[in-house]
Amino acid sequence: MRFEKSIAAAFAMSEEVWARHANPWSVWTRYATFPMLILSIWSRVWFGWWALIPIFLTLVWLWLNPRGFEKPSSTDNWASKAVLGRRNPRSTFDDCTHRRSEVLIHALRAAPQPSVVAHAWRQLQQMAEGHRHTERNEQ
């Protein structure tokens, strides 16, 4: 969880910022940013080092986003509850509960890893098969 704490420190989310981030507009515009972040990272293929500009701009938006909206008039919606639910457990867990939940979180994060490895292996096999097919055609 040290990495998560360092990211949280970089975002400097005070109670005021968390309250603003509970605004549904903040939540949904933040979710809409993730495809932009992925596209920005992927754009390195096309733009080389110039891809750092859209990556930087997207990260700046992610930092500014929770600060750019007013506190919601009501938190009786899915988006606000998700933000507040994400915030509250971090501040109220005692050490014992936190350690137990940390094990569960790591287990859940690791669960999809075998499928990612299997997919990568399959992709490598397909690439190798395509390469062998090309070599046979050249001979």
N, C-alpha and C. Protein backbone atom coordinates (compact mmCIF):
# COMPACT_ATOMS: atom_id res chain seq x y z
N MET A 1 0.82 -1.20 0.00
CA MET A 1 0.00 0.00 0.00
C MET A 1 0.86 1.26 0.00
N ARG A 2 2.18 1.12 0.06
CA ARG A 2 3.03 2.31 0.05
C ARG A 2 2.87 3.10 -1.24
N PHE A 3 2.77 2.38 -2.36
CA PHE A 3 2.59 3.04 -3.65
C PHE A 3 1.29 3.84 -3.66
N GLU A 4 0.23 3.24 -3.16
CA GLU A 4 -1.06 3.92 -3.12
C GLU A 4 -1.00 5.17 -2.24
N LYS A 5 -0.26 5.08 -1.13
CA LYS A 5 -0.12 6.25 -0.26
C LYS A 5 0.68 7.36 -0.93
N SER A 6 1.68 6.98 -1.71
CA SER A 6 2.47 8.02 -2.40
C SER A 6 1.63 8.70 -3.49
N ILE A 7 0.78 7.92 -4.18
CA ILE A 7 -0.11 8.52 -5.17
C ILE A 7 -1.11 9.44 -4.47
N ALA A 8 -1.65 8.99 -3.35
CA ALA A 8 -2.61 9.81 -2.59
C ALA A 8 -1.94 11.10 -2.12
N ALA A 9 -0.68 11.02 -1.70
CA ALA A 9 0.03 12.22 -1.27
C ALA A 9 0.24 13.18 -2.43
N ALA A 10 0.50 12.64 -3.62
CA ALA A 10 0.70 13.50 -4.80
C ALA A 10 -0.59 14.23 -5.17
N PHE A 11 -1.74 13.58 -4.98
CA PHE A 11 -3.00 14.21 -5.31
C PHE A 11 -3.46 15.18 -4.22
N ALA A 12 -2.88 15.13 -3.03
CA ALA A 12 -3.16 16.07 -1.94
C ALA A 12 -4.66 16.31 -1.76
N MET A 13 -5.38 15.24 -1.48
CA MET A 13 -6.83 15.31 -1.36
C MET A 13 -7.21 15.64 0.09
N SER A 14 -7.54 16.89 0.33
CA SER A 14 -8.04 17.31 1.65
C SER A 14 -9.51 16.92 1.76
N GLU A 15 -10.07 17.11 2.93
CA GLU A 15 -11.50 16.81 3.12
C GLU A 15 -12.35 17.66 2.18
N GLU A 16 -11.97 18.90 1.97
CA GLU A 16 -12.69 19.79 1.06
C GLU A 16 -12.66 19.26 -0.38
N VAL A 17 -11.49 18.79 -0.80
CA VAL A 17 -11.34 18.27 -2.16
C VAL A 17 -12.15 16.98 -2.32
N TRP A 18 -12.13 16.13 -1.30
CA TRP A 18 -12.94 14.90 -1.38
C TRP A 18 -14.42 15.24 -1.50
N ALA A 19 -14.86 16.24 -0.75
CA ALA A 19 -16.27 16.64 -0.83
C ALA A 19 -16.61 17.15 -2.23
N ARG A 20 -15.72 17.91 -2.84
CA ARG A 20 -15.95 18.40 -4.21
C ARG A 20 -15.91 17.24 -5.20
N HIS A 21 -15.03 16.29 -4.96
CA HIS A 21 -14.88 15.14 -5.86
C HIS A 21 -16.13 14.25 -5.81
N ALA A 22 -16.93 14.37 -4.76
CA ALA A 22 -18.16 13.58 -4.66
C ALA A 22 -19.24 14.10 -5.62
N ASN A 23 -18.98 15.22 -6.27
CA ASN A 23 -19.90 15.74 -7.27
C ASN A 23 -19.94 14.75 -8.45
N PRO A 24 -21.12 14.31 -8.86
CA PRO A 24 -21.19 13.35 -9.97
C PRO A 24 -20.50 13.83 -11.24
N TRP A 25 -20.52 15.12 -11.51
CA TRP A 25 -19.83 15.63 -12.70
C TRP A 25 -18.32 15.37 -12.60
N SER A 26 -17.78 15.50 -11.41
CA SER A 26 -16.36 15.21 -11.21
C SER A 26 -16.08 13.73 -11.47
N VAL A 27 -16.94 12.89 -10.95
CA VAL A 27 -16.73 11.44 -11.12
C VAL A 27 -16.80 11.04 -12.59
N TRP A 28 -17.85 11.47 -13.27
CA TRP A 28 -18.03 11.02 -14.66
C TRP A 28 -17.01 11.64 -15.60
N THR A 29 -16.61 12.89 -15.39
CA THR A 29 -15.57 13.46 -16.25
C THR A 29 -14.22 12.81 -15.97
N ARG A 30 -14.03 12.36 -14.76
CA ARG A 30 -12.79 11.65 -14.43
C ARG A 30 -12.77 10.28 -15.12
N TYR A 31 -13.90 9.57 -15.09
CA TYR A 31 -13.97 8.29 -15.80
C TYR A 31 -13.76 8.49 -17.30
N ALA A 32 -14.28 9.55 -17.84
CA ALA A 32 -14.12 9.82 -19.27
C ALA A 32 -12.67 10.14 -19.62
N THR A 33 -11.86 10.47 -18.64
CA THR A 33 -10.46 10.81 -18.86
C THR A 33 -9.61 9.58 -19.11
N PHE A 34 -9.98 8.43 -18.58
CA PHE A 34 -9.13 7.26 -18.69
C PHE A 34 -8.90 6.80 -20.13
N PRO A 35 -9.91 6.83 -21.01
CA PRO A 35 -9.60 6.52 -22.41
C PRO A 35 -8.59 7.51 -23.01
N MET A 36 -8.68 8.78 -22.59
CA MET A 36 -7.70 9.77 -23.07
C MET A 36 -6.30 9.43 -22.58
N LEU A 37 -6.19 8.98 -21.33
CA LEU A 37 -4.89 8.61 -20.79
C LEU A 37 -4.32 7.42 -21.56
N ILE A 38 -5.16 6.43 -21.82
CA ILE A 38 -4.71 5.26 -22.58
C ILE A 38 -4.28 5.67 -23.99
N LEU A 39 -5.09 6.49 -24.64
CA LEU A 39 -4.75 6.96 -25.98
C LEU A 39 -3.46 7.78 -25.96
N SER A 40 -3.29 8.59 -24.92
CA SER A 40 -2.06 9.39 -24.81
C SER A 40 -0.84 8.50 -24.69
N ILE A 41 -0.95 7.46 -23.87
CA ILE A 41 0.18 6.55 -23.71
C ILE A 41 0.43 5.79 -25.00
N TRP A 42 -0.63 5.36 -25.65
CA TRP A 42 -0.50 4.62 -26.90
C TRP A 42 0.06 5.51 -28.02
N SER A 43 -0.18 6.81 -27.93
CA SER A 43 0.27 7.72 -28.98
C SER A 43 1.79 7.81 -29.07
N ARG A 44 2.50 7.26 -28.12
CA ARG A 44 3.96 7.28 -28.21
C ARG A 44 4.43 6.57 -29.46
N VAL A 45 3.62 5.62 -29.94
CA VAL A 45 3.95 4.89 -31.17
C VAL A 45 3.98 5.87 -32.35
N TRP A 46 3.05 6.82 -32.36
CA TRP A 46 2.96 7.76 -33.47
C TRP A 46 3.83 8.99 -33.27
N PHE A 47 3.85 9.52 -32.04
CA PHE A 47 4.48 10.82 -31.79
C PHE A 47 5.84 10.74 -31.11
N GLY A 48 6.24 9.56 -30.68
CA GLY A 48 7.52 9.44 -29.97
C GLY A 48 7.47 10.21 -28.66
N TRP A 49 8.54 10.97 -28.39
CA TRP A 49 8.63 11.71 -27.13
C TRP A 49 7.58 12.82 -27.02
N TRP A 50 7.04 13.27 -28.14
CA TRP A 50 6.00 14.30 -28.11
C TRP A 50 4.74 13.78 -27.41
N ALA A 51 4.61 12.48 -27.28
CA ALA A 51 3.45 11.90 -26.59
C ALA A 51 3.43 12.28 -25.11
N LEU A 52 4.56 12.74 -24.59
CA LEU A 52 4.58 13.17 -23.18
C LEU A 52 3.67 14.38 -22.95
N ILE A 53 3.45 15.17 -23.99
CA ILE A 53 2.59 16.36 -23.82
C ILE A 53 1.16 15.95 -23.51
N PRO A 54 0.49 15.10 -24.32
CA PRO A 54 -0.87 14.71 -23.94
C PRO A 54 -0.92 13.89 -22.65
N ILE A 55 0.12 13.10 -22.38
CA ILE A 55 0.16 12.36 -21.11
C ILE A 55 0.19 13.35 -19.95
N PHE A 56 1.06 14.35 -20.04
CA PHE A 56 1.17 15.35 -18.98
C PHE A 56 -0.14 16.12 -18.81
N LEU A 57 -0.74 16.53 -19.93
CA LEU A 57 -2.00 17.28 -19.84
C LEU A 57 -3.11 16.43 -19.22
N THR A 58 -3.15 15.15 -19.54
CA THR A 58 -4.16 14.27 -18.95
C THR A 58 -3.93 14.12 -17.45
N LEU A 59 -2.68 13.96 -17.04
CA LEU A 59 -2.39 13.83 -15.61
C LEU A 59 -2.71 15.12 -14.85
N VAL A 60 -2.45 16.26 -15.49
CA VAL A 60 -2.82 17.54 -14.86
C VAL A 60 -4.33 17.62 -14.69
N TRP A 61 -5.09 17.20 -15.72
CA TRP A 61 -6.55 17.20 -15.61
C TRP A 61 -7.01 16.28 -14.48
N LEU A 62 -6.38 15.11 -14.36
CA LEU A 62 -6.76 14.20 -13.27
C LEU A 62 -6.52 14.84 -11.91
N TRP A 63 -5.49 15.67 -11.81
CA TRP A 63 -5.22 16.34 -10.54
C TRP A 63 -6.22 17.50 -10.32
N LEU A 64 -6.51 18.24 -11.38
CA LEU A 64 -7.40 19.39 -11.26
C LEU A 64 -8.88 18.99 -11.11
N ASN A 65 -9.26 17.87 -11.69
CA ASN A 65 -10.66 17.46 -11.77
C ASN A 65 -11.40 17.52 -10.42
N PRO A 66 -10.90 16.91 -9.36
CA PRO A 66 -11.67 16.96 -8.11
C PRO A 66 -11.79 18.36 -7.53
N ARG A 67 -10.93 19.25 -7.95
CA ARG A 67 -10.93 20.61 -7.42
C ARG A 67 -11.80 21.55 -8.25
N GLY A 68 -12.23 21.11 -9.42
CA GLY A 68 -12.91 21.99 -10.35
C GLY A 68 -14.43 22.00 -10.26
N PHE A 69 -14.98 21.28 -9.33
CA PHE A 69 -16.43 21.20 -9.19
C PHE A 69 -16.84 21.60 -7.79
N GLU A 70 -18.07 22.06 -7.68
CA GLU A 70 -18.61 22.43 -6.37
C GLU A 70 -19.02 21.17 -5.61
N LYS A 71 -19.20 21.34 -4.31
CA LYS A 71 -19.74 20.24 -3.51
C LYS A 71 -21.13 19.91 -4.04
N PRO A 72 -21.49 18.62 -4.09
CA PRO A 72 -22.82 18.28 -4.61
C PRO A 72 -23.91 18.70 -3.63
N SER A 73 -25.06 19.05 -4.18
CA SER A 73 -26.18 19.42 -3.32
C SER A 73 -26.73 18.19 -2.61
N SER A 74 -26.55 17.02 -3.21
CA SER A 74 -27.00 15.78 -2.60
C SER A 74 -25.98 14.69 -2.93
N THR A 75 -25.77 13.80 -1.99
CA THR A 75 -24.89 12.66 -2.24
C THR A 75 -25.71 11.38 -2.41
N ASP A 76 -26.97 11.54 -2.72
CA ASP A 76 -27.86 10.40 -2.88
C ASP A 76 -27.82 9.92 -4.34
N ASN A 77 -26.63 9.52 -4.78
CA ASN A 77 -26.46 8.98 -6.13
C ASN A 77 -25.25 8.05 -6.10
N TRP A 78 -25.17 7.22 -7.11
CA TRP A 78 -24.13 6.19 -7.14
C TRP A 78 -22.73 6.80 -7.11
N ALA A 79 -22.49 7.81 -7.92
CA ALA A 79 -21.15 8.38 -8.06
C ALA A 79 -20.65 8.97 -6.74
N SER A 80 -21.50 9.74 -6.08
CA SER A 80 -21.10 10.35 -4.81
C SER A 80 -20.84 9.29 -3.75
N LYS A 81 -21.71 8.30 -3.70
CA LYS A 81 -21.54 7.22 -2.71
C LYS A 81 -20.26 6.44 -2.96
N ALA A 82 -19.91 6.24 -4.23
CA ALA A 82 -18.67 5.52 -4.55
C ALA A 82 -17.45 6.30 -4.08
N VAL A 83 -17.45 7.60 -4.31
CA VAL A 83 -16.31 8.43 -3.90
C VAL A 83 -16.21 8.47 -2.38
N LEU A 84 -17.33 8.73 -1.72
CA LEU A 84 -17.30 8.82 -0.26
C LEU A 84 -17.00 7.46 0.37
N GLY A 85 -17.48 6.39 -0.24
CA GLY A 85 -17.17 5.06 0.27
C GLY A 85 -15.72 4.71 0.10
N ARG A 86 -15.10 5.21 -0.95
CA ARG A 86 -13.67 4.98 -1.17
C ARG A 86 -12.85 5.79 -0.18
N ARG A 87 -13.33 6.95 0.18
CA ARG A 87 -12.59 7.82 1.10
C ARG A 87 -12.69 7.36 2.54
N ASN A 88 -13.88 7.06 3.00
CA ASN A 88 -14.09 6.78 4.42
C ASN A 88 -13.34 5.57 4.95
N PRO A 89 -13.32 4.42 4.29
CA PRO A 89 -12.59 3.30 4.86
C PRO A 89 -11.12 3.57 5.04
N ARG A 90 -10.52 4.36 4.18
CA ARG A 90 -9.11 4.66 4.33
C ARG A 90 -8.83 5.45 5.61
N SER A 91 -9.78 6.26 6.00
CA SER A 91 -9.52 7.10 7.16
C SER A 91 -10.00 6.47 8.46
N THR A 92 -10.82 5.42 8.41
CA THR A 92 -11.38 4.88 9.64
C THR A 92 -10.89 3.48 9.99
N PHE A 93 -10.18 2.79 9.09
CA PHE A 93 -9.69 1.45 9.42
C PHE A 93 -8.66 1.52 10.53
N ASP A 94 -8.77 0.61 11.47
CA ASP A 94 -7.68 0.48 12.42
C ASP A 94 -6.61 -0.40 11.79
N ASP A 95 -5.44 -0.51 12.41
CA ASP A 95 -4.32 -1.23 11.80
C ASP A 95 -4.64 -2.69 11.52
N CYS A 96 -5.29 -3.37 12.46
CA CYS A 96 -5.58 -4.79 12.29
C CYS A 96 -6.53 -5.02 11.11
N THR A 97 -7.60 -4.26 11.06
CA THR A 97 -8.55 -4.39 9.97
C THR A 97 -7.88 -4.03 8.65
N HIS A 98 -7.07 -3.00 8.70
CA HIS A 98 -6.39 -2.55 7.47
C HIS A 98 -5.48 -3.65 6.94
N ARG A 99 -4.74 -4.32 7.81
CA ARG A 99 -3.84 -5.39 7.37
C ARG A 99 -4.62 -6.55 6.74
N ARG A 100 -5.76 -6.91 7.36
CA ARG A 100 -6.57 -7.99 6.80
C ARG A 100 -7.15 -7.58 5.44
N SER A 101 -7.63 -6.37 5.35
CA SER A 101 -8.21 -5.93 4.08
C SER A 101 -7.12 -5.78 3.02
N GLU A 102 -5.92 -5.43 3.43
CA GLU A 102 -4.82 -5.29 2.46
C GLU A 102 -4.51 -6.64 1.82
N VAL A 103 -4.56 -7.72 2.60
CA VAL A 103 -4.33 -9.05 2.04
C VAL A 103 -5.41 -9.38 1.01
N LEU A 104 -6.66 -9.08 1.34
CA LEU A 104 -7.75 -9.33 0.41
C LEU A 104 -7.60 -8.49 -0.86
N ILE A 105 -7.23 -7.24 -0.71
CA ILE A 105 -7.05 -6.36 -1.87
C ILE A 105 -5.96 -6.91 -2.78
N HIS A 106 -4.83 -7.33 -2.20
CA HIS A 106 -3.75 -7.88 -3.01
C HIS A 106 -4.18 -9.18 -3.70
N ALA A 107 -4.96 -10.00 -3.02
CA ALA A 107 -5.44 -11.24 -3.62
C ALA A 107 -6.37 -10.94 -4.80
N LEU A 108 -7.25 -9.95 -4.63
CA LEU A 108 -8.17 -9.59 -5.72
C LEU A 108 -7.42 -8.97 -6.89
N ARG A 109 -6.40 -8.20 -6.60
CA ARG A 109 -5.61 -7.61 -7.68
C ARG A 109 -4.84 -8.67 -8.45
N ALA A 110 -4.41 -9.73 -7.76
CA ALA A 110 -3.61 -10.78 -8.40
C ALA A 110 -4.47 -11.77 -9.17
N ALA A 111 -5.76 -11.82 -8.88
CA ALA A 111 -6.64 -12.82 -9.49
C ALA A 111 -6.61 -12.81 -11.02
N PRO A 112 -6.64 -11.65 -11.68
CA PRO A 112 -6.66 -11.68 -13.15
C PRO A 112 -5.29 -11.95 -13.78
N GLN A 113 -4.23 -12.00 -13.00
CA GLN A 113 -2.89 -12.12 -13.58
C GLN A 113 -2.70 -13.38 -14.43
N PRO A 114 -3.18 -14.56 -14.01
CA PRO A 114 -2.99 -15.72 -14.90
C PRO A 114 -3.63 -15.54 -16.27
N SER A 115 -4.78 -14.91 -16.33
CA SER A 115 -5.41 -14.71 -17.64
C SER A 115 -4.60 -13.73 -18.49
N VAL A 116 -3.99 -12.73 -17.87
CA VAL A 116 -3.16 -11.79 -18.61
C VAL A 116 -1.94 -12.51 -19.17
N VAL A 117 -1.32 -13.36 -18.35
CA VAL A 117 -0.15 -14.11 -18.80
C VAL A 117 -0.54 -15.06 -19.93
N ALA A 118 -1.68 -15.74 -19.79
CA ALA A 118 -2.14 -16.65 -20.84
C ALA A 118 -2.42 -15.91 -22.15
N HIS A 119 -3.02 -14.74 -22.03
CA HIS A 119 -3.30 -13.94 -23.23
C HIS A 119 -2.00 -13.50 -23.90
N ALA A 120 -1.05 -13.04 -23.11
CA ALA A 120 0.24 -12.61 -23.66
C ALA A 120 0.95 -13.78 -24.34
N TRP A 121 0.89 -14.95 -23.71
CA TRP A 121 1.52 -16.14 -24.29
C TRP A 121 0.88 -16.47 -25.64
N ARG A 122 -0.44 -16.41 -25.70
CA ARG A 122 -1.16 -16.70 -26.95
C ARG A 122 -0.78 -15.69 -28.04
N GLN A 123 -0.67 -14.44 -27.66
CA GLN A 123 -0.28 -13.41 -28.63
C GLN A 123 1.14 -13.67 -29.17
N LEU A 124 2.04 -14.07 -28.28
CA LEU A 124 3.41 -14.38 -28.71
C LEU A 124 3.42 -15.59 -29.65
N GLN A 125 2.59 -16.58 -29.34
CA GLN A 125 2.51 -17.75 -30.22
C GLN A 125 2.00 -17.35 -31.61
N GLN A 126 0.98 -16.51 -31.65
CA GLN A 126 0.44 -16.06 -32.94
C GLN A 126 1.47 -15.25 -33.72
N MET A 127 2.22 -14.40 -33.01
CA MET A 127 3.25 -13.63 -33.69
C MET A 127 4.34 -14.55 -34.25
N ALA A 128 4.75 -15.55 -33.47
CA ALA A 128 5.78 -16.48 -33.92
C ALA A 128 5.28 -17.29 -35.11
N GLU A 129 4.02 -17.72 -35.06
CA GLU A 129 3.44 -18.47 -36.18
C GLU A 129 3.40 -17.62 -37.44
N GLY A 130 3.04 -16.37 -37.30
CA GLY A 130 3.03 -15.46 -38.44
C GLY A 130 4.42 -15.25 -39.01
N HIS A 131 5.42 -15.17 -38.13
CA HIS A 131 6.80 -15.00 -38.55
C HIS A 131 7.29 -16.24 -39.29
N ARG A 132 6.96 -17.43 -38.77
CA ARG A 132 7.35 -18.68 -39.44
C ARG A 132 6.67 -18.79 -40.81
N HIS A 133 5.42 -18.36 -40.86
CA HIS A 133 4.67 -18.42 -42.13
C HIS A 133 5.33 -17.49 -43.17
N THR A 134 5.77 -16.33 -42.73
CA THR A 134 6.43 -15.38 -43.62
C THR A 134 7.76 -15.94 -44.11
N GLU A 135 8.52 -16.57 -43.20
CA GLU A 135 9.80 -17.15 -43.60
C GLU A 135 9.61 -18.25 -44.64
N ARG A 136 8.57 -19.09 -44.47
CA ARG A 136 8.32 -20.17 -45.43
C ARG A 136 7.97 -19.59 -46.80
N ASN A 137 7.22 -18.51 -46.84
CA ASN A 137 6.84 -17.90 -48.11
C ASN A 137 8.03 -17.27 -48.82
N GLU A 138 9.00 -16.78 -48.05
CA GLU A 138 10.18 -16.16 -48.65
C GLU A 138 11.10 -17.19 -49.27
N GLN A 139 11.08 -18.43 -48.77
CA GLN A 139 11.97 -19.47 -49.30
C GLN A 139 11.38 -19.99 -50.53
